Amino acid sequence: MTKTLAKKGYLVGLSSGAVMHVILEYAQKLAPQDTIITIFADSGRSYLSKVFNS
């Protein structure tokens, strides 16, 4: 999920990628008018060479 978010312009870390994965799973149980708010608390900067191969 971290790489998917990076392709959309969000340089987030592994914890934020995990949060987004869970949010997408949970969102399937909600009604269309429901709202989800989250905070991506980590950056992907320290993973540039490991995860993003930059």
Protein backbone atom coordinates (compact mmCIF):
# COMPACT_ATOMS: atom_id res chain seq x y z
CA MET A 1 0.00 0.00 0.00
CA THR A 2 2.95 2.32 0.65
CA LYS A 3 4.02 2.10 -2.99
CA THR A 4 0.44 2.64 -4.17
CA LEU A 5 0.20 5.81 -2.10
CA ALA A 6 3.57 6.97 -3.45
CA LYS A 7 2.26 6.64 -7.02
CA LYS A 8 -0.55 9.01 -5.99
CA GLY A 9 1.94 11.52 -4.60
CA TYR A 10 2.00 10.59 -0.91
CA LEU A 11 5.46 9.77 0.45
CA VAL A 12 4.40 7.85 3.55
CA GLY A 13 6.09 5.22 5.67
CA LEU A 14 5.20 1.62 6.34
CA SER A 15 2.91 2.40 9.28
CA SER A 16 0.85 4.80 7.18
CA GLY A 17 0.62 2.22 4.42
CA ALA A 18 -0.72 -0.29 6.92
CA VAL A 19 -3.24 2.25 8.22
CA MET A 20 -4.50 2.90 4.69
CA HIS A 21 -4.85 -0.82 4.03
CA VAL A 22 -7.02 -1.24 7.14
CA ILE A 23 -9.07 1.84 6.27
CA LEU A 24 -9.88 0.45 2.83
CA GLU A 25 -10.98 -2.85 4.39
CA TYR A 26 -13.09 -1.08 7.03
CA ALA A 27 -14.65 1.31 4.50
CA GLN A 28 -16.40 -1.60 2.81
CA LYS A 29 -18.57 -1.96 5.94
CA LEU A 30 -19.69 1.68 5.98
CA ALA A 31 -22.52 3.48 4.26
CA PRO A 32 -21.63 5.77 1.32
CA GLN A 33 -22.37 8.91 3.35
CA ASP A 34 -20.00 7.89 6.18
CA THR A 35 -16.66 9.66 6.53
CA ILE A 36 -13.28 8.29 7.60
CA ILE A 37 -10.49 10.56 8.80
CA THR A 38 -6.94 9.40 9.41
CA ILE A 39 -3.51 10.83 10.01
CA PHE A 40 -0.43 9.49 8.26
CA ALA A 41 2.08 9.95 11.06
CA ASP A 42 5.25 8.73 9.38
CA SER A 43 7.21 9.72 6.32
CA GLY A 44 8.64 7.53 3.62
CA ARG A 45 11.86 9.54 3.52
CA SER A 46 13.87 6.98 5.49
CA TYR A 47 12.65 4.21 3.19
CA LEU A 48 13.63 5.82 -0.12
CA SER A 49 16.44 3.36 -0.83
CA LYS A 50 14.78 0.32 0.78
CA VAL A 51 11.14 0.45 -0.27
CA PHE A 52 11.02 2.95 -3.11
CA ASN A 53 14.42 2.10 -4.67
CA SER A 54 15.23 5.77 -5.24
